[in-house]
Amino acid sequence: MEKYDRHSIRIKGYDYSSNGLYFLTICVQDRRQLLGNIKEDIMEINDTGEIVRQEWLSIEQRFPVVLHEYTIMPNHFHAIIELVGAGLCPAPLCYIQEMEKRAEQSPAPTLGDIVCAFKSLSTKRYNRYNNNKYGCRLWQRNYYEHIIRNFNDYDRIVCYICHNPGRWKEDMFYEI
């Protein structure tokens, strides 16, 4: 089998730059518990987890998105992100004008573009913080996404995200 002959988990033909809500799960490389620990059902992020939190929250300043519920777990990250389009972004006017100018020159960013930027920015900060001159991978290749199609789906996922730290020992990513 070819090294790059991998099956895509994306929906063929779907426009991942279209407005909508998406549920994401992004895993740490080799599922190492680098982002913090769960104590008494509460996630306590460490310095690496704080880097991830800050870079996630900065995504609204870089892209026409609205960030919804998210949680940082010891070895993965869950979030709901809404792609809203450049004209609807809750950002300063100068940023919106810049996005409109870029939109004339290039297509809207896709969900993959946004996740790639987040992973890249957080990895660079992680490596700077840890003095990794040659760089280490913080995140696994790829990510899981789910297109949120209705309010019931949204509510179910918000509940899952909010209660995830309390169910850590039953989590599919839990490793001792």
C-alpha atoms as a PDB file:
ATOM      1  CA  MET A   1       0.000   0.000   0.000  1.00  0.00           C
ATOM      2  CA  GLU A   2       1.283   3.450  -0.901  1.00  0.00           C
ATOM      3  CA  LYS A   3       2.291   5.689   2.011  1.00  0.00           C
ATOM      4  CA  TYR A   4      -0.200   8.367   0.971  1.00  0.00           C
ATOM      5  CA  ASP A   5      -3.003   6.076  -0.176  1.00  0.00           C
ATOM      6  CA  ARG A   6      -5.366   6.895   2.687  1.00  0.00           C
ATOM      7  CA  HIS A   7      -9.126   6.904   2.843  1.00  0.00           C
ATOM      8  CA  SER A   8     -10.593  10.370   3.397  1.00  0.00           C
ATOM      9  CA  ILE A   9     -13.134  10.768   6.186  1.00  0.00           C
ATOM     10  CA  ARG A  10     -14.582  13.907   4.567  1.00  0.00           C
ATOM     11  CA  ILE A  11     -17.909  13.856   2.717  1.00  0.00           C
ATOM     12  CA  LYS A  12     -17.124  13.746  -0.980  1.00  0.00           C
ATOM     13  CA  GLY A  13     -18.414  16.828  -2.776  1.00  0.00           C
ATOM     14  CA  TYR A  14     -19.327  18.739   0.407  1.00  0.00           C
ATOM     15  CA  ASP A  15     -18.250  22.397   0.500  1.00  0.00           C
ATOM     16  CA  TYR A  16     -16.350  22.721   3.787  1.00  0.00           C
ATOM     17  CA  SER A  17     -16.133  26.491   3.316  1.00  0.00           C
ATOM     18  CA  SER A  18     -19.932  26.851   3.523  1.00  0.00           C
ATOM     19  CA  ASN A  19     -21.593  28.500   6.493  1.00  0.00           C
ATOM     20  CA  GLY A  20     -22.553  26.087   9.224  1.00  0.00           C
ATOM     21  CA  LEU A  21     -21.722  24.487  12.544  1.00  0.00           C
ATOM     22  CA  TYR A  22     -19.074  21.791  12.865  1.00  0.00           C
ATOM     23  CA  PHE A  23     -18.021  19.592  15.784  1.00  0.00           C
ATOM     24  CA  LEU A  24     -14.279  18.913  15.887  1.00  0.00           C
ATOM     25  CA  THR A  25     -12.057  16.472  17.735  1.00  0.00           C
ATOM     26  CA  ILE A  26      -8.304  16.913  17.400  1.00  0.00           C
ATOM     27  CA  CYS A  27      -5.924  14.448  19.080  1.00  0.00           C
ATOM     28  CA  VAL A  28      -2.441  15.000  20.471  1.00  0.00           C
ATOM     29  CA  GLN A  29       0.302  13.110  18.630  1.00  0.00           C
ATOM     30  CA  ASP A  30       0.442   9.508  19.894  1.00  0.00           C
ATOM     31  CA  ARG A  31      -2.351  10.469  22.340  1.00  0.00           C
ATOM     32  CA  ARG A  32       0.222  11.703  24.841  1.00  0.00           C
ATOM     33  CA  GLN A  33      -1.352  13.469  27.802  1.00  0.00           C
ATOM     34  CA  LEU A  34       0.327  16.826  27.204  1.00  0.00           C
ATOM     35  CA  LEU A  35      -2.520  19.274  27.834  1.00  0.00           C
ATOM     36  CA  GLY A  36      -3.188  18.764  31.556  1.00  0.00           C
ATOM     37  CA  ASN A  37      -4.848  16.372  33.979  1.00  0.00           C
ATOM     38  CA  ILE A  38      -8.339  15.615  35.188  1.00  0.00           C
ATOM     39  CA  LYS A  39      -8.776  15.738  38.948  1.00  0.00           C
ATOM     40  CA  GLU A  40     -12.146  15.072  40.539  1.00  0.00           C
ATOM     41  CA  ASP A  41     -13.885  15.346  37.147  1.00  0.00           C
ATOM     42  CA  ILE A  42     -12.388  18.788  36.420  1.00  0.00           C
ATOM     43  CA  MET A  43      -9.850  19.406  33.683  1.00  0.00           C
ATOM     44  CA  GLU A  44      -6.822  21.321  34.925  1.00  0.00           C
ATOM     45  CA  ILE A  45      -4.899  22.539  31.905  1.00  0.00           C
ATOM     46  CA  ASN A  46      -1.141  22.960  32.122  1.00  0.00           C
ATOM     47  CA  ASP A  47       1.072  25.400  30.178  1.00  0.00           C
ATOM     48  CA  THR A  48       0.669  23.433  26.946  1.00  0.00           C
ATOM     49  CA  GLY A  49      -3.097  23.333  27.453  1.00  0.00           C
ATOM     50  CA  GLU A  50      -3.027  27.097  27.964  1.00  0.00           C
ATOM     51  CA  ILE A  51      -1.179  27.532  24.661  1.00  0.00           C
ATOM     52  CA  VAL A  52      -3.879  25.459  22.961  1.00  0.00           C
ATOM     53  CA  ARG A  53      -6.644  27.506  24.635  1.00  0.00           C
ATOM     54  CA  GLN A  54      -5.113  30.830  23.607  1.00  0.00           C
ATOM     55  CA  GLU A  55      -4.498  29.753  20.014  1.00  0.00           C
ATOM     56  CA  TRP A  56      -8.041  28.367  19.724  1.00  0.00           C
ATOM     57  CA  LEU A  57      -9.559  31.613  20.978  1.00  0.00           C
ATOM     58  CA  SER A  58      -7.406  33.629  18.547  1.00  0.00           C
ATOM     59  CA  ILE A  59      -9.004  31.837  15.572  1.00  0.00           C
ATOM     60  CA  GLU A  60     -11.914  34.332  15.642  1.00  0.00           C
ATOM     61  CA  GLN A  61      -9.412  37.113  14.908  1.00  0.00           C
ATOM     62  CA  ARG A  62      -7.991  35.258  11.902  1.00  0.00           C
ATOM     63  CA  PHE A  63     -11.057  33.764  10.221  1.00  0.00           C
ATOM     64  CA  PRO A  64     -14.773  34.556   9.723  1.00  0.00           C
ATOM     65  CA  VAL A  65     -15.944  32.163  12.433  1.00  0.00           C
ATOM     66  CA  VAL A  66     -17.764  32.107  15.749  1.00  0.00           C
ATOM     67  CA  LEU A  67     -16.397  29.769  18.394  1.00  0.00           C
ATOM     68  CA  HIS A  68     -18.961  27.902  20.463  1.00  0.00           C
ATOM     69  CA  GLU A  69     -18.441  25.361  23.242  1.00  0.00           C
ATOM     70  CA  TYR A  70     -15.028  23.705  23.548  1.00  0.00           C
ATOM     71  CA  THR A  71     -13.074  21.603  26.025  1.00  0.00           C
ATOM     72  CA  ILE A  72      -9.432  20.723  26.340  1.00  0.00           C
ATOM     73  CA  MET A  73      -8.827  17.176  27.533  1.00  0.00           C
ATOM     74  CA  PRO A  74      -5.482  15.627  28.569  1.00  0.00           C
ATOM     75  CA  ASN A  75      -4.771  14.247  25.088  1.00  0.00           C
ATOM     76  CA  HIS A  76      -7.396  15.729  22.771  1.00  0.00           C
ATOM     77  CA  PHE A  77      -9.557  18.747  22.105  1.00  0.00           C
ATOM     78  CA  HIS A  78     -13.286  19.079  21.302  1.00  0.00           C
ATOM     79  CA  ALA A  79     -14.921  22.182  19.873  1.00  0.00           C
ATOM     80  CA  ILE A  80     -17.904  23.513  17.984  1.00  0.00           C
ATOM     81  CA  ILE A  81     -17.002  26.092  15.360  1.00  0.00           C
ATOM     82  CA  GLU A  82     -19.367  28.073  13.168  1.00  0.00           C
ATOM     83  CA  LEU A  83     -18.271  29.281   9.748  1.00  0.00           C
ATOM     84  CA  VAL A  84     -20.180  32.511   9.151  1.00  0.00           C
ATOM     85  CA  GLY A  85     -18.679  34.273   6.129  1.00  0.00           C
ATOM     86  CA  ALA A  86     -16.633  37.475   6.038  1.00  0.00           C
ATOM     87  CA  GLY A  87     -19.579  39.880   6.175  1.00  0.00           C
ATOM     88  CA  LEU A  88     -20.995  38.389   9.371  1.00  0.00           C
ATOM     89  CA  CYS A  89     -17.809  37.969  11.385  1.00  0.00           C
ATOM     90  CA  PRO A  90     -17.924  39.628  14.828  1.00  0.00           C
ATOM     91  CA  ALA A  91     -14.625  41.396  14.248  1.00  0.00           C
ATOM     92  CA  PRO A  92     -13.336  44.971  13.895  1.00  0.00           C
ATOM     93  CA  LEU A  93     -14.333  46.747  10.686  1.00  0.00           C
ATOM     94  CA  CYS A  94     -10.751  46.861   9.397  1.00  0.00           C
ATOM     95  CA  TYR A  95     -10.542  43.062   9.734  1.00  0.00           C
ATOM     96  CA  ILE A  96     -13.829  42.563   7.880  1.00  0.00           C
ATOM     97  CA  GLN A  97     -12.636  44.863   5.090  1.00  0.00           C
ATOM     98  CA  GLU A  98      -9.396  42.887   4.872  1.00  0.00           C
ATOM     99  CA  MET A  99     -11.376  39.616   4.702  1.00  0.00           C
ATOM    100  CA  GLU A 100     -13.585  41.052   1.934  1.00  0.00           C
ATOM    101  CA  LYS A 101     -10.497  42.115  -0.014  1.00  0.00           C
ATOM    102  CA  ARG A 102      -9.002  38.619   0.383  1.00  0.00           C
ATOM    103  CA  ALA A 103     -12.342  37.029  -0.597  1.00  0.00           C
ATOM    104  CA  GLU A 104     -12.146  38.829  -3.939  1.00  0.00           C
ATOM    105  CA  GLN A 105      -8.702  37.346  -4.494  1.00  0.00           C
ATOM    106  CA  SER A 106      -9.173  33.826  -3.124  1.00  0.00           C
ATOM    107  CA  PRO A 107     -11.958  31.463  -2.076  1.00  0.00           C
ATOM    108  CA  ALA A 108     -13.320  31.397   1.467  1.00  0.00           C
ATOM    109  CA  PRO A 109     -11.252  29.413   3.963  1.00  0.00           C
ATOM    110  CA  THR A 110     -12.384  25.842   4.472  1.00  0.00           C
ATOM    111  CA  LEU A 111     -12.794  24.090   7.784  1.00  0.00           C
ATOM    112  CA  GLY A 112      -9.566  22.268   6.935  1.00  0.00           C
ATOM    113  CA  ASP A 113      -7.733  25.568   6.397  1.00  0.00           C
ATOM    114  CA  ILE A 114      -8.863  26.779   9.818  1.00  0.00           C
ATOM    115  CA  VAL A 115      -7.930  23.550  11.616  1.00  0.00           C
ATOM    116  CA  CYS A 116      -4.562  23.531   9.831  1.00  0.00           C
ATOM    117  CA  ALA A 117      -3.857  27.105  10.968  1.00  0.00           C
ATOM    118  CA  PHE A 118      -4.850  26.285  14.560  1.00  0.00           C
ATOM    119  CA  LYS A 119      -2.675  23.170  14.640  1.00  0.00           C
ATOM    120  CA  SER A 120       0.268  24.982  13.063  1.00  0.00           C
ATOM    121  CA  LEU A 121       0.090  28.039  15.326  1.00  0.00           C
ATOM    122  CA  SER A 122      -0.314  26.027  18.524  1.00  0.00           C
ATOM    123  CA  THR A 123       2.508  23.649  17.530  1.00  0.00           C
ATOM    124  CA  LYS A 124       4.876  26.550  16.816  1.00  0.00           C
ATOM    125  CA  ARG A 125       4.149  28.104  20.214  1.00  0.00           C
ATOM    126  CA  TYR A 126       4.483  24.707  21.912  1.00  0.00           C
ATOM    127  CA  ASN A 127       7.894  24.182  20.315  1.00  0.00           C
ATOM    128  CA  ARG A 128       9.073  27.709  21.209  1.00  0.00           C
ATOM    129  CA  TYR A 129       7.902  27.240  24.796  1.00  0.00           C
ATOM    130  CA  ASN A 130       9.763  23.915  25.088  1.00  0.00           C
ATOM    131  CA  ASN A 131      12.881  25.106  23.203  1.00  0.00           C
ATOM    132  CA  ASN A 132      12.401  22.366  20.595  1.00  0.00           C
ATOM    133  CA  LYS A 133      14.824  23.704  18.015  1.00  0.00           C
ATOM    134  CA  TYR A 134      13.889  21.092  15.411  1.00  0.00           C
ATOM    135  CA  GLY A 135      10.215  21.014  16.294  1.00  0.00           C
ATOM    136  CA  CYS A 136       8.000  18.254  17.574  1.00  0.00           C
ATOM    137  CA  ARG A 137       4.545  17.338  16.416  1.00  0.00           C
ATOM    138  CA  LEU A 138       1.902  18.399  18.911  1.00  0.00           C
ATOM    139  CA  TRP A 139      -1.086  17.072  16.940  1.00  0.00           C
ATOM    140  CA  GLN A 140      -1.904  13.867  15.093  1.00  0.00           C
ATOM    141  CA  ARG A 141      -2.431  14.039  11.368  1.00  0.00           C
ATOM    142  CA  ASN A 142      -6.035  14.786  10.421  1.00  0.00           C
ATOM    143  CA  TYR A 143      -8.993  15.430  12.730  1.00  0.00           C
ATOM    144  CA  TYR A 144     -12.564  14.257  13.224  1.00  0.00           C
ATOM    145  CA  GLU A 145     -15.407  16.521  12.139  1.00  0.00           C
ATOM    146  CA  HIS A 146     -19.157  16.227  12.233  1.00  0.00           C
ATOM    147  CA  ILE A 147     -21.519  18.604  10.446  1.00  0.00           C
ATOM    148  CA  ILE A 148     -24.145  19.749  12.947  1.00  0.00           C
ATOM    149  CA  ARG A 149     -27.475  19.591  11.132  1.00  0.00           C
ATOM    150  CA  ASN A 150     -30.116  20.635  13.692  1.00  0.00           C
ATOM    151  CA  PHE A 151     -30.738  21.933  17.223  1.00  0.00           C
ATOM    152  CA  ASN A 152     -31.044  18.459  18.762  1.00  0.00           C
ATOM    153  CA  ASP A 153     -27.664  17.498  17.306  1.00  0.00           C
ATOM    154  CA  TYR A 154     -26.178  20.770  18.603  1.00  0.00           C
ATOM    155  CA  ASP A 155     -27.603  20.280  22.120  1.00  0.00           C
ATOM    156  CA  ARG A 156     -26.388  16.678  22.270  1.00  0.00           C
ATOM    157  CA  ILE A 157     -22.854  17.707  21.283  1.00  0.00           C
ATOM    158  CA  VAL A 158     -22.759  20.651  23.719  1.00  0.00           C
ATOM    159  CA  CYS A 159     -23.790  18.247  26.484  1.00  0.00           C
ATOM    160  CA  TYR A 160     -21.078  15.803  25.413  1.00  0.00           C
ATOM    161  CA  ILE A 161     -18.405  18.529  25.430  1.00  0.00           C
ATOM    162  CA  CYS A 162     -19.461  19.950  28.804  1.00  0.00           C
ATOM    163  CA  HIS A 163     -19.584  16.554  30.524  1.00  0.00           C
ATOM    164  CA  ASN A 164     -16.506  15.067  28.850  1.00  0.00           C
ATOM    165  CA  PRO A 165     -14.078  15.709  31.757  1.00  0.00           C
ATOM    166  CA  GLY A 166     -16.455  13.938  34.155  1.00  0.00           C
ATOM    167  CA  ARG A 167     -16.508  10.875  31.907  1.00  0.00           C
ATOM    168  CA  TRP A 168     -12.757  10.797  31.299  1.00  0.00           C
ATOM    169  CA  LYS A 169     -12.239   7.212  32.467  1.00  0.00           C
ATOM    170  CA  GLU A 170     -14.893   6.007  30.001  1.00  0.00           C
ATOM    171  CA  ASP A 171     -13.518   8.168  27.167  1.00  0.00           C
ATOM    172  CA  MET A 172     -12.231   6.357  24.084  1.00  0.00           C
ATOM    173  CA  PHE A 173      -9.032   8.440  24.329  1.00  0.00           C
ATOM    174  CA  TYR A 174      -8.416   7.607  28.000  1.00  0.00           C
ATOM    175  CA  GLU A 175      -5.067   6.001  28.667  1.00  0.00           C
ATOM    176  CA  ILE A 176      -3.450   5.506  32.044  1.00  0.00           C
END
